[in-house]
Amino acid sequence: MRKRNVTPADIGDIVRATRKDTGLRQHELAGAAGVGLRFIVDLEAGKPTAQIGKVLQVLAALGCSVDIVPPLEADATGPANVRDT
């Protein structure tokens, strides 16, 4: 399986497309997700400093899922996998 790094712009595109597919206006999505309209506008524009908790709220309100795949155990010797002892 090929890894894909998702950018803030990619997330914004997904949010916008999914919102439009479901027939929601930006203010309706904001209300459903419990965030402000300005947040939705910024998120759809790909703002890189959007709060992760709010992003997850919006994605959940749209029925999207997020998969985070940790590195393989075979890569455990690399510097990215420092473990507390």
Protein backbone atom coordinates (compact mmCIF):
# COMPACT_ATOMS: atom_id res chain seq x y z
CA MET A 1 0.00 0.00 0.00
CA ARG A 2 1.36 3.41 -0.98
CA LYS A 3 1.60 6.09 1.71
CA ARG A 4 -0.01 9.42 1.00
CA ASN A 5 0.71 12.56 2.92
CA VAL A 6 -2.36 14.76 3.12
CA THR A 7 -1.95 18.53 3.11
CA PRO A 8 -4.23 21.15 4.69
CA ALA A 9 -5.31 22.08 1.16
CA ASP A 10 -6.28 18.43 0.52
CA ILE A 11 -8.39 18.41 3.69
CA GLY A 12 -10.04 21.66 2.64
CA ASP A 13 -10.88 20.22 -0.77
CA ILE A 14 -12.36 17.10 0.81
CA VAL A 15 -14.44 19.13 3.26
CA ARG A 16 -15.75 21.44 0.52
CA ALA A 17 -16.57 18.62 -1.90
CA THR A 18 -18.25 16.49 0.78
CA ARG A 19 -20.23 19.46 2.10
CA LYS A 20 -21.47 20.30 -1.39
CA ASP A 21 -22.28 16.66 -2.14
CA THR A 22 -24.46 16.55 0.99
CA GLY A 23 -26.18 19.82 0.03
CA LEU A 24 -25.03 21.74 3.09
CA ARG A 25 -24.16 25.42 3.13
CA GLN A 26 -21.09 26.50 5.06
CA HIS A 27 -23.10 27.93 7.95
CA GLU A 28 -25.15 24.73 8.18
CA LEU A 29 -22.00 22.62 8.44
CA ALA A 30 -20.59 25.00 11.04
CA GLY A 31 -23.73 24.56 13.15
CA ALA A 32 -23.74 20.77 12.75
CA ALA A 33 -20.06 20.54 13.72
CA GLY A 34 -20.21 23.05 16.57
CA VAL A 35 -17.69 25.43 15.03
CA GLY A 36 -17.90 28.94 13.64
CA LEU A 37 -18.56 29.88 10.03
CA ARG A 38 -15.14 31.55 9.80
CA PHE A 39 -13.54 28.23 10.78
CA ILE A 40 -15.29 26.44 7.90
CA VAL A 41 -14.25 29.15 5.44
CA ASP A 42 -10.63 28.93 6.60
CA LEU A 43 -10.63 25.13 6.65
CA GLU A 44 -11.97 24.89 3.10
CA ALA A 45 -9.30 27.39 2.02
CA GLY A 46 -6.62 25.02 3.36
CA LYS A 47 -5.50 27.08 6.35
CA PRO A 48 -2.51 25.17 7.73
CA THR A 49 -2.98 26.31 11.34
CA ALA A 50 -6.54 25.02 11.80
CA GLN A 51 -7.10 23.42 15.21
CA ILE A 52 -6.98 19.64 14.89
CA GLY A 53 -9.84 19.07 17.33
CA LYS A 54 -12.15 21.31 15.33
CA VAL A 55 -11.02 19.74 12.06
CA LEU A 56 -11.96 16.33 13.46
CA GLN A 57 -15.37 17.69 14.55
CA VAL A 58 -16.07 18.92 11.02
CA LEU A 59 -14.92 15.67 9.44
CA ALA A 60 -17.11 13.67 11.84
CA ALA A 61 -20.12 15.89 11.10
CA LEU A 62 -19.62 15.09 7.40
CA GLY A 63 -19.28 11.36 8.08
CA CYS A 64 -15.62 11.29 7.05
CA SER A 65 -13.10 9.04 8.73
CA VAL A 66 -9.43 9.60 9.45
CA ASP A 67 -6.89 6.80 9.35
CA ILE A 68 -3.49 7.26 10.93
CA VAL A 69 -1.06 4.48 10.18
CA PRO A 70 1.96 4.20 12.47
CA PRO A 71 5.29 3.19 10.99
CA LEU A 72 5.92 -0.51 10.61
CA GLU A 73 7.69 -2.36 13.41
CA ALA A 74 10.47 -3.06 10.91
CA ASP A 75 11.21 0.67 11.02
CA ALA A 76 11.44 0.64 14.85
CA THR A 77 15.17 1.19 14.81
CA GLY A 78 14.85 4.61 13.16
CA PRO A 79 15.10 7.90 15.09
CA ALA A 80 11.36 8.56 14.67
CA ASN A 81 10.59 5.68 17.02
CA VAL A 82 12.28 6.77 20.22
CA ARG A 83 10.67 5.00 23.17
CA ASP A 84 10.67 6.03 26.81
CA THR A 85 12.20 3.47 29.14
